[in-house]
Amino acid sequence: MTATRPAEFSNVSVTPVNNLPAHDATALTQGGNQALIVLNEQVYNLRITRAGKLILTK
């Protein structure tokens, strides 16, 4: 399945691999297309593109 809009991501089933945590990108962005992620006091921007791809930038 290829998602083309963020709303379609909720239909994707995720099977955890090696007990790694799985996070829904639309939940992280609260239904929008961007979210900020903080790691060690550094702020990163997570963006969902119109093509349904994820981009993470510092």
PDB file of N, CA and C in Angstrom:
ATOM      1  N   MET A   1       0.839  -1.186   0.000  1.00  0.00           N
ATOM      2  CA  MET A   1       0.000   0.000   0.000  1.00  0.00           C
ATOM      3  C   MET A   1       0.879   1.242   0.000  1.00  0.00           C
ATOM      4  N   THR A   2       0.594   2.169  -0.867  1.00  0.00           N
ATOM      5  CA  THR A   2       1.332   3.422  -0.915  1.00  0.00           C
ATOM      6  C   THR A   2       0.405   4.548  -0.494  1.00  0.00           C
ATOM      7  N   ALA A   3       0.738   5.204   0.608  1.00  0.00           N
ATOM      8  CA  ALA A   3      -0.067   6.323   1.080  1.00  0.00           C
ATOM      9  C   ALA A   3       0.356   7.584   0.347  1.00  0.00           C
ATOM     10  N   THR A   4      -0.625   8.342  -0.098  1.00  0.00           N
ATOM     11  CA  THR A   4      -0.307   9.573  -0.808  1.00  0.00           C
ATOM     12  C   THR A   4      -0.662  10.806   0.006  1.00  0.00           C
ATOM     13  N   ARG A   5      -1.493  10.656   1.005  1.00  0.00           N
ATOM     14  CA  ARG A   5      -1.863  11.769   1.871  1.00  0.00           C
ATOM     15  C   ARG A   5      -1.724  11.319   3.313  1.00  0.00           C
ATOM     16  N   PRO A   6      -1.361  12.230   4.233  1.00  0.00           N
ATOM     17  CA  PRO A   6      -1.187  11.847   5.635  1.00  0.00           C
ATOM     18  C   PRO A   6      -2.384  11.112   6.223  1.00  0.00           C
ATOM     19  N   ALA A   7      -3.601  11.442   5.801  1.00  0.00           N
ATOM     20  CA  ALA A   7      -4.781  10.789   6.359  1.00  0.00           C
ATOM     21  C   ALA A   7      -4.799   9.297   6.058  1.00  0.00           C
ATOM     22  N   GLU A   8      -4.125   8.873   5.002  1.00  0.00           N
ATOM     23  CA  GLU A   8      -4.120   7.462   4.635  1.00  0.00           C
ATOM     24  C   GLU A   8      -3.185   6.620   5.490  1.00  0.00           C
ATOM     25  N   PHE A   9      -2.318   7.244   6.252  1.00  0.00           N
ATOM     26  CA  PHE A   9      -1.373   6.482   7.066  1.00  0.00           C
ATOM     27  C   PHE A   9      -2.053   5.698   8.169  1.00  0.00           C
ATOM     28  N   SER A  10      -3.223   6.131   8.628  1.00  0.00           N
ATOM     29  CA  SER A  10      -3.894   5.426   9.710  1.00  0.00           C
ATOM     30  C   SER A  10      -4.365   4.042   9.264  1.00  0.00           C
ATOM     31  N   ASN A  11      -4.407   3.782   7.969  1.00  0.00           N
ATOM     32  CA  ASN A  11      -4.836   2.487   7.461  1.00  0.00           C
ATOM     33  C   ASN A  11      -3.707   1.473   7.391  1.00  0.00           C
ATOM     34  N   VAL A  12      -2.489   1.888   7.664  1.00  0.00           N
ATOM     35  CA  VAL A  12      -1.332   1.002   7.553  1.00  0.00           C
ATOM     36  C   VAL A  12      -1.186   0.199   8.839  1.00  0.00           C
ATOM     37  N   SER A  13      -1.065  -1.119   8.699  1.00  0.00           N
ATOM     38  CA  SER A  13      -0.837  -1.936   9.883  1.00  0.00           C
ATOM     39  C   SER A  13       0.664  -2.086  10.089  1.00  0.00           C
ATOM     40  N   VAL A  14       1.098  -1.971  11.342  1.00  0.00           N
ATOM     41  CA  VAL A  14       2.519  -2.035  11.665  1.00  0.00           C
ATOM     42  C   VAL A  14       2.766  -3.264  12.520  1.00  0.00           C
ATOM     43  N   THR A  15       3.736  -4.065  12.114  1.00  0.00           N
ATOM     44  CA  THR A  15       4.159  -5.217  12.906  1.00  0.00           C
ATOM     45  C   THR A  15       5.493  -4.877  13.535  1.00  0.00           C
ATOM     46  N   PRO A  16       5.541  -4.783  14.881  1.00  0.00           N
ATOM     47  CA  PRO A  16       6.820  -4.454  15.527  1.00  0.00           C
ATOM     48  C   PRO A  16       7.896  -5.475  15.181  1.00  0.00           C
ATOM     49  N   VAL A  17       9.071  -4.987  14.865  1.00  0.00           N
ATOM     50  CA  VAL A  17      10.206  -5.836  14.535  1.00  0.00           C
ATOM     51  C   VAL A  17      11.195  -5.756  15.687  1.00  0.00           C
ATOM     52  N   ASN A  18      11.608  -6.899  16.188  1.00  0.00           N
ATOM     53  CA  ASN A  18      12.570  -6.959  17.291  1.00  0.00           C
ATOM     54  C   ASN A  18      12.156  -6.098  18.480  1.00  0.00           C
ATOM     55  N   ASN A  19      10.854  -6.003  18.714  1.00  0.00           N
ATOM     56  CA  ASN A  19      10.308  -5.233  19.838  1.00  0.00           C
ATOM     57  C   ASN A  19      10.685  -3.757  19.802  1.00  0.00           C
ATOM     58  N   LEU A  20      10.927  -3.204  18.617  1.00  0.00           N
ATOM     59  CA  LEU A  20      11.206  -1.777  18.481  1.00  0.00           C
ATOM     60  C   LEU A  20       9.900  -1.004  18.610  1.00  0.00           C
ATOM     61  N   PRO A  21       9.933   0.172  19.232  1.00  0.00           N
ATOM     62  CA  PRO A  21       8.703   0.959  19.322  1.00  0.00           C
ATOM     63  C   PRO A  21       8.278   1.444  17.936  1.00  0.00           C
ATOM     64  N   ALA A  22       6.974   1.475  17.682  1.00  0.00           N
ATOM     65  CA  ALA A  22       6.432   1.975  16.419  1.00  0.00           C
ATOM     66  C   ALA A  22       5.549   3.172  16.731  1.00  0.00           C
ATOM     67  N   HIS A  23       5.693   4.243  15.963  1.00  0.00           N
ATOM     68  CA  HIS A  23       4.930   5.468  16.174  1.00  0.00           C
ATOM     69  C   HIS A  23       4.266   5.878  14.871  1.00  0.00           C
ATOM     70  N   ASP A  24       3.011   6.241  14.940  1.00  0.00           N
ATOM     71  CA  ASP A  24       2.275   6.709  13.780  1.00  0.00           C
ATOM     72  C   ASP A  24       2.667   8.160  13.507  1.00  0.00           C
ATOM     73  N   ALA A  25       3.131   8.447  12.305  1.00  0.00           N
ATOM     74  CA  ALA A  25       3.585   9.797  11.963  1.00  0.00           C
ATOM     75  C   ALA A  25       2.467  10.818  12.083  1.00  0.00           C
ATOM     76  N   THR A  26       1.235  10.428  11.740  1.00  0.00           N
ATOM     77  CA  THR A  26       0.132  11.389  11.855  1.00  0.00           C
ATOM     78  C   THR A  26      -0.207  11.671  13.310  1.00  0.00           C
ATOM     79  N   ALA A  27       0.042  10.722  14.191  1.00  0.00           N
ATOM     80  CA  ALA A  27      -0.158  10.982  15.621  1.00  0.00           C
ATOM     81  C   ALA A  27       0.908  11.953  16.122  1.00  0.00           C
ATOM     82  N   LEU A  28       2.141  11.786  15.644  1.00  0.00           N
ATOM     83  CA  LEU A  28       3.211  12.700  16.038  1.00  0.00           C
ATOM     84  C   LEU A  28       2.939  14.118  15.556  1.00  0.00           C
ATOM     85  N   THR A  29       2.331  14.244  14.385  1.00  0.00           N
ATOM     86  CA  THR A  29       2.041  15.569  13.834  1.00  0.00           C
ATOM     87  C   THR A  29       0.639  16.049  14.197  1.00  0.00           C
ATOM     88  N   GLN A  30      -0.073  15.271  14.985  1.00  0.00           N
ATOM     89  CA  GLN A  30      -1.439  15.576  15.418  1.00  0.00           C
ATOM     90  C   GLN A  30      -2.348  15.888  14.232  1.00  0.00           C
ATOM     91  N   GLY A  31      -2.227  15.081  13.189  1.00  0.00           N
ATOM     92  CA  GLY A  31      -3.065  15.219  12.017  1.00  0.00           C
ATOM     93  C   GLY A  31      -2.563  16.230  11.002  1.00  0.00           C
ATOM     94  N   GLY A  32      -1.519  16.961  11.330  1.00  0.00           N
ATOM     95  CA  GLY A  32      -0.945  17.937  10.400  1.00  0.00           C
ATOM     96  C   GLY A  32       0.134  17.297   9.565  1.00  0.00           C
ATOM     97  N   ASN A  33       1.100  18.104   9.139  1.00  0.00           N
ATOM     98  CA  ASN A  33       2.181  17.525   8.343  1.00  0.00           C
ATOM     99  C   ASN A  33       3.564  17.829   8.905  1.00  0.00           C
ATOM    100  N   GLN A  34       3.635  18.454  10.109  1.00  0.00           N
ATOM    101  CA  GLN A  34       4.933  18.729  10.715  1.00  0.00           C
ATOM    102  C   GLN A  34       4.888  18.530  12.225  1.00  0.00           C
ATOM    103  N   ALA A  35       6.033  18.151  12.770  1.00  0.00           N
ATOM    104  CA  ALA A  35       6.195  18.032  14.219  1.00  0.00           C
ATOM    105  C   ALA A  35       7.654  18.316  14.561  1.00  0.00           C
ATOM    106  N   LEU A  36       7.870  18.817  15.749  1.00  0.00           N
ATOM    107  CA  LEU A  36       9.230  19.023  16.238  1.00  0.00           C
ATOM    108  C   LEU A  36       9.601  17.861  17.134  1.00  0.00           C
ATOM    109  N   ILE A  37      10.828  17.394  16.980  1.00  0.00           N
ATOM    110  CA  ILE A  37      11.349  16.296  17.796  1.00  0.00           C
ATOM    111  C   ILE A  37      12.624  16.799  18.455  1.00  0.00           C
ATOM    112  N   VAL A  38      12.728  16.605  19.765  1.00  0.00           N
ATOM    113  CA  VAL A  38      13.888  17.089  20.514  1.00  0.00           C
ATOM    114  C   VAL A  38      14.718  15.891  20.965  1.00  0.00           C
ATOM    115  N   LEU A  39      16.020  15.975  20.720  1.00  0.00           N
ATOM    116  CA  LEU A  39      16.970  14.955  21.151  1.00  0.00           C
ATOM    117  C   LEU A  39      18.218  15.653  21.653  1.00  0.00           C
ATOM    118  N   ASN A  40      18.547  15.435  22.908  1.00  0.00           N
ATOM    119  CA  ASN A  40      19.741  16.041  23.514  1.00  0.00           C
ATOM    120  C   ASN A  40      19.805  17.553  23.276  1.00  0.00           C
ATOM    121  N   GLU A  41      18.700  18.209  23.525  1.00  0.00           N
ATOM    122  CA  GLU A  41      18.580  19.667  23.392  1.00  0.00           C
ATOM    123  C   GLU A  41      18.699  20.171  21.957  1.00  0.00           C
ATOM    124  N   GLN A  42      18.714  19.273  20.984  1.00  0.00           N
ATOM    125  CA  GLN A  42      18.704  19.632  19.564  1.00  0.00           C
ATOM    126  C   GLN A  42      17.275  19.453  19.049  1.00  0.00           C
ATOM    127  N   VAL A  43      16.814  20.397  18.238  1.00  0.00           N
ATOM    128  CA  VAL A  43      15.444  20.348  17.718  1.00  0.00           C
ATOM    129  C   VAL A  43      15.477  19.933  16.248  1.00  0.00           C
ATOM    130  N   TYR A  44      14.668  18.932  15.906  1.00  0.00           N
ATOM    131  CA  TYR A  44      14.556  18.424  14.550  1.00  0.00           C
ATOM    132  C   TYR A  44      13.127  18.636  14.060  1.00  0.00           C
ATOM    133  N   ASN A  45      12.974  18.821  12.761  1.00  0.00           N
ATOM    134  CA  ASN A  45      11.665  19.007  12.156  1.00  0.00           C
ATOM    135  C   ASN A  45      11.307  17.754  11.356  1.00  0.00           C
ATOM    136  N   LEU A  46      10.206  17.123  11.719  1.00  0.00           N
ATOM    137  CA  LEU A  46       9.699  15.972  10.979  1.00  0.00           C
ATOM    138  C   LEU A  46       8.570  16.480  10.091  1.00  0.00           C
ATOM    139  N   ARG A  47       8.657  16.192   8.795  1.00  0.00           N
ATOM    140  CA  ARG A  47       7.643  16.676   7.864  1.00  0.00           C
ATOM    141  C   ARG A  47       7.142  15.529   7.008  1.00  0.00           C
ATOM    142  N   ILE A  48       5.829  15.479   6.806  1.00  0.00           N
ATOM    143  CA  ILE A  48       5.216  14.525   5.898  1.00  0.00           C
ATOM    144  C   ILE A  48       4.958  15.273   4.590  1.00  0.00           C
ATOM    145  N   THR A  49       5.520  14.785   3.505  1.00  0.00           N
ATOM    146  CA  THR A  49       5.369  15.451   2.212  1.00  0.00           C
ATOM    147  C   THR A  49       4.022  15.092   1.582  1.00  0.00           C
ATOM    148  N   ARG A  50       3.662  15.821   0.531  1.00  0.00           N
ATOM    149  CA  ARG A  50       2.423  15.523  -0.195  1.00  0.00           C
ATOM    150  C   ARG A  50       2.478  14.139  -0.826  1.00  0.00           C
ATOM    151  N   ALA A  51       3.679  13.650  -1.082  1.00  0.00           N
ATOM    152  CA  ALA A  51       3.841  12.311  -1.663  1.00  0.00           C
ATOM    153  C   ALA A  51       3.813  11.216  -0.603  1.00  0.00           C
ATOM    154  N   GLY A  52       3.622  11.599   0.666  1.00  0.00           N
ATOM    155  CA  GLY A  52       3.547  10.599   1.738  1.00  0.00           C
ATOM    156  C   GLY A  52       4.903  10.131   2.235  1.00  0.00           C
ATOM    157  N   LYS A  53       5.943  10.904   1.988  1.00  0.00           N
ATOM    158  CA  LYS A  53       7.286  10.565   2.462  1.00  0.00           C
ATOM    159  C   LYS A  53       7.587  11.353   3.735  1.00  0.00           C
ATOM    160  N   LEU A  54       8.532  10.865   4.517  1.00  0.00           N
ATOM    161  CA  LEU A  54       8.968  11.561   5.727  1.00  0.00           C
ATOM    162  C   LEU A  54      10.313  12.213   5.492  1.00  0.00           C
ATOM    163  N   ILE A  55      10.445  13.451   5.966  1.00  0.00           N
ATOM    164  CA  ILE A  55      11.714  14.161   5.915  1.00  0.00           C
ATOM    165  C   ILE A  55      12.019  14.637   7.326  1.00  0.00           C
ATOM    166  N   LEU A  56      13.215  14.328   7.808  1.00  0.00           N
ATOM    167  CA  LEU A  56      13.670  14.767   9.120  1.00  0.00           C
ATOM    168  C   LEU A  56      14.871  15.680   8.924  1.00  0.00           C
ATOM    169  N   THR A  57      14.751  16.938   9.369  1.00  0.00           N
ATOM    170  CA  THR A  57      15.829  17.893   9.216  1.00  0.00           C
ATOM    171  C   THR A  57      16.158  18.530  10.567  1.00  0.00           C
ATOM    172  N   LYS A  58      17.383  19.011  10.675  1.00  0.00           N
ATOM    173  CA  LYS A  58      17.843  19.648  11.898  1.00  0.00           C
ATOM    174  C   LYS A  58      17.657  21.137  11.782  1.00  0.00           C
TER     175      LYS A  58
END
